[in-house]
Protein backbone atom coordinates (compact mmCIF):
# COMPACT_ATOMS: atom_id res chain seq x y z
CA MET A 1 111.47 -13.40 -8.93
CA SER A 2 111.08 -15.70 -11.89
CA ALA A 3 111.43 -19.45 -11.62
CA SER A 4 114.44 -19.29 -13.94
CA VAL A 5 116.30 -16.88 -11.63
CA SER A 6 115.47 -18.91 -8.52
CA ASP A 7 116.61 -22.14 -10.22
CA GLN A 8 119.86 -20.51 -11.28
CA LEU A 9 120.37 -19.08 -7.80
CA ILE A 10 119.97 -22.51 -6.21
CA ALA A 11 122.34 -24.06 -8.74
CA VAL A 12 125.12 -21.51 -8.11
CA LEU A 13 124.93 -21.64 -4.27
CA PRO A 14 127.70 -24.24 -3.69
CA ARG A 15 130.14 -22.36 -5.93
CA LEU A 16 129.12 -19.02 -4.44
CA ARG A 17 129.65 -20.35 -0.92
CA ARG A 18 133.09 -21.71 -1.85
CA PHE A 19 134.01 -18.33 -3.35
CA ALA A 20 132.72 -16.49 -0.27
CA ARG A 21 134.65 -18.83 2.03
CA GLY A 22 137.80 -18.03 0.12
CA LEU A 23 137.17 -14.30 0.42
CA THR A 24 136.22 -14.26 4.09
CA GLY A 25 138.26 -17.11 5.53
CA THR A 26 135.53 -18.40 7.84
CA ALA A 27 132.40 -20.44 7.29
CA ALA A 28 130.25 -18.09 9.38
CA GLU A 29 131.31 -14.96 7.50
CA ALA A 30 130.96 -16.82 4.19
CA ASP A 31 127.40 -17.82 5.05
CA ASP A 32 126.56 -14.21 5.95
CA LEU A 33 128.13 -12.99 2.70
CA VAL A 34 126.23 -15.54 0.59
CA GLN A 35 122.99 -14.65 2.35
CA ALA A 36 123.56 -10.95 1.66
CA ALA A 37 124.40 -11.69 -1.98
CA CYS A 38 121.27 -13.82 -2.41
CA GLU A 39 119.13 -11.17 -0.79
CA ARG A 40 120.56 -8.52 -3.10
CA ALA A 41 120.08 -10.75 -6.15
CA ILE A 42 116.46 -11.45 -5.24
CA THR A 43 115.62 -7.80 -4.65
CA ARG A 44 117.42 -6.78 -7.83
CA ALA A 45 116.50 -9.71 -10.06
CA HIS A 46 115.07 -7.23 -12.54
CA GLN A 47 118.63 -5.96 -13.11
CA PHE A 48 119.88 -9.34 -14.33
CA GLN A 49 120.28 -9.28 -18.10
CA GLU A 50 118.99 -12.42 -19.77
CA GLY A 51 121.59 -13.98 -22.03
CA THR A 52 124.46 -13.14 -19.66
CA ARG A 53 126.10 -15.49 -17.20
CA PHE A 54 124.11 -15.71 -13.98
CA ASP A 55 127.07 -17.11 -12.03
CA SER A 56 129.26 -14.15 -13.03
CA TRP A 57 126.51 -11.78 -11.91
CA MET A 58 126.31 -13.54 -8.54
CA PHE A 59 130.11 -13.58 -8.08
CA ARG A 60 130.19 -9.86 -8.85
CA ILE A 61 127.44 -9.18 -6.28
CA CYS A 62 129.28 -11.26 -3.69
CA GLN A 63 132.60 -9.55 -4.37
CA THR A 64 131.04 -6.08 -4.27
CA ILE A 65 129.41 -6.75 -0.91
CA TRP A 66 132.67 -8.14 0.48
CA ILE A 67 134.67 -5.11 -0.67
CA ASP A 68 132.03 -2.82 0.86
CA GLN A 69 132.31 -4.73 4.15
CA ILE A 70 136.10 -4.45 4.15
CA ARG A 71 135.91 -0.74 3.50
CA SER A 72 133.33 -0.20 6.23
CA ARG A 73 135.43 -2.05 8.80
CA ASN A 74 138.45 0.06 7.84
CA ILE A 75 140.73 -2.47 9.57
CA ARG A 76 142.06 -5.87 8.67
CA LYS A 77 140.65 -8.82 10.53
CA GLU A 78 142.95 -10.55 13.00
CA ALA A 79 144.17 -14.06 12.25
CA HIS A 80 141.30 -16.53 12.39
CA GLU A 81 141.02 -18.77 15.39
CA ASP A 82 141.96 -22.35 14.86
CA GLU A 83 138.82 -24.34 14.03
CA GLY A 84 139.36 -27.54 15.92
CA LEU A 85 142.85 -28.69 15.01
CA ASN A 86 143.23 -31.28 17.72
CA VAL A 87 146.55 -33.09 17.53
CA GLY A 88 145.70 -35.33 20.49
CA THR A 89 143.11 -37.34 18.57
CA ASP A 90 143.36 -40.61 16.68
CA GLU A 91 143.81 -38.85 13.34
CA SER A 92 146.65 -40.12 11.22
CA MET A 93 149.75 -38.00 10.92
CA ARG A 94 149.06 -37.30 7.22
CA ARG A 95 145.64 -35.84 8.03
CA VAL A 96 147.15 -33.61 10.68
CA GLU A 97 149.88 -32.46 8.28
CA ALA A 98 147.29 -31.81 5.57
CA ARG A 99 145.25 -29.69 7.96
CA ILE A 100 148.34 -27.74 8.98
CA ALA A 101 149.22 -27.16 5.33
CA LEU A 102 145.66 -26.03 4.60
CA ARG A 103 145.79 -23.59 7.51
CA GLU A 104 149.08 -22.22 6.19
CA VAL A 105 147.56 -21.70 2.74
CA GLN A 106 144.46 -20.08 4.24
CA ALA A 107 146.60 -17.78 6.39
CA ALA A 108 148.80 -16.83 3.42
CA LEU A 109 145.73 -16.31 1.23
CA ALA A 110 144.21 -14.02 3.86
CA THR A 111 147.23 -11.71 3.68
CA LEU A 112 146.84 -11.09 -0.05
CA PRO A 113 145.14 -7.87 -1.14
CA ALA A 114 141.42 -8.42 -1.77
CA GLU A 115 141.75 -7.94 -5.54
CA GLN A 116 144.53 -10.53 -5.84
CA ARG A 117 142.70 -12.99 -3.58
CA ALA A 118 139.50 -12.65 -5.62
CA ALA A 119 141.38 -13.16 -8.92
CA LEU A 120 143.14 -16.24 -7.55
CA LEU A 121 139.91 -17.75 -6.22
CA LEU A 122 137.90 -17.08 -9.36
CA VAL A 123 140.49 -18.61 -11.70
CA THR A 124 142.13 -21.38 -9.66
CA VAL A 125 139.35 -22.47 -7.31
CA ASP A 126 136.21 -21.81 -9.30
CA GLY A 127 137.80 -22.49 -12.67
CA LEU A 128 136.66 -19.36 -14.48
CA SER A 129 138.58 -18.29 -17.54
CA TYR A 130 140.56 -15.06 -17.40
CA LYS A 131 137.84 -13.36 -19.43
CA GLU A 132 135.08 -14.62 -17.13
CA ALA A 133 137.04 -13.54 -14.06
CA ALA A 134 137.64 -10.14 -15.66
CA ASP A 135 133.90 -9.80 -16.29
CA VAL A 136 133.16 -10.63 -12.64
CA ALA A 137 135.75 -8.14 -11.37
CA GLU A 138 134.77 -5.59 -14.02
CA VAL A 139 138.39 -5.07 -15.08
CA PRO A 140 140.35 -5.79 -18.28
CA VAL A 141 141.67 -9.33 -18.84
CA GLY A 142 145.24 -8.04 -18.52
CA THR A 143 144.47 -6.74 -15.04
CA ILE A 144 143.19 -10.17 -13.98
CA MET A 145 146.31 -11.80 -15.41
CA SER A 146 148.52 -9.32 -13.57
CA ARG A 147 146.65 -9.75 -10.27
CA LEU A 148 146.78 -13.51 -10.64
CA ALA A 149 150.52 -13.50 -11.35
CA ARG A 150 151.23 -11.23 -8.37
CA ALA A 151 148.98 -13.34 -6.14
CA ARG A 152 150.73 -16.58 -7.13
CA VAL A 153 154.19 -15.09 -6.52
CA ALA A 154 153.17 -13.60 -3.17
CA LEU A 155 151.43 -16.79 -2.07
CA GLN A 156 154.43 -18.93 -2.97
CA ALA A 157 156.80 -16.57 -1.15
CA LYS A 158 154.64 -16.55 1.98
CA LEU A 159 154.34 -20.34 1.98
CA GLU A 160 158.07 -20.85 1.40
CA ALA A 161 158.90 -18.38 4.19
CA GLY A 162 156.50 -20.20 6.53
CA GLY A 163 157.95 -23.60 5.64
CA HIS A 164 161.50 -22.32 6.15
CA ALA A 165 160.60 -20.93 9.59
CA ARG A 166 158.93 -24.21 10.57
CA ARG A 167 161.94 -26.29 9.44
CA SER A 168 164.38 -24.11 11.36
CA GLU A 169 162.30 -24.52 14.53
CA GLY A 170 162.53 -28.33 14.30
């Protein structure tokens, strides 16, 4: 592996981990996914085409591995266990509410189809352009725009439905 590829790999790790966390929903699975993507990139470094975007190549590897894992499981993962939301602590009420809201977004995001979730994460979280996201997903720009629009509508509907249910309980 050339020094250039290893330097680029190190530089993209935080963004790749954030992307993987969005795909998987848990830190542990994200770490495993990033490790698998890095391993694949290292063993296939000769396939990287100089002059193209290294980060897009890495996102594509990560997404491909994740889709392969989903297909091999052939079932959807159950809702993720709560990672330490402890209301009985000294945390301020705003921090608790923010954590609850984040959990609601994560739960709603996890229910989106993998293609919509990936499009949403690439464009809104990682800040890729539609064209860059389309290159990563290996689909036309219009497909990314359509997936993103459907993901936003579905996410908003899920969050509004969750908020309505929570308000009617109180």
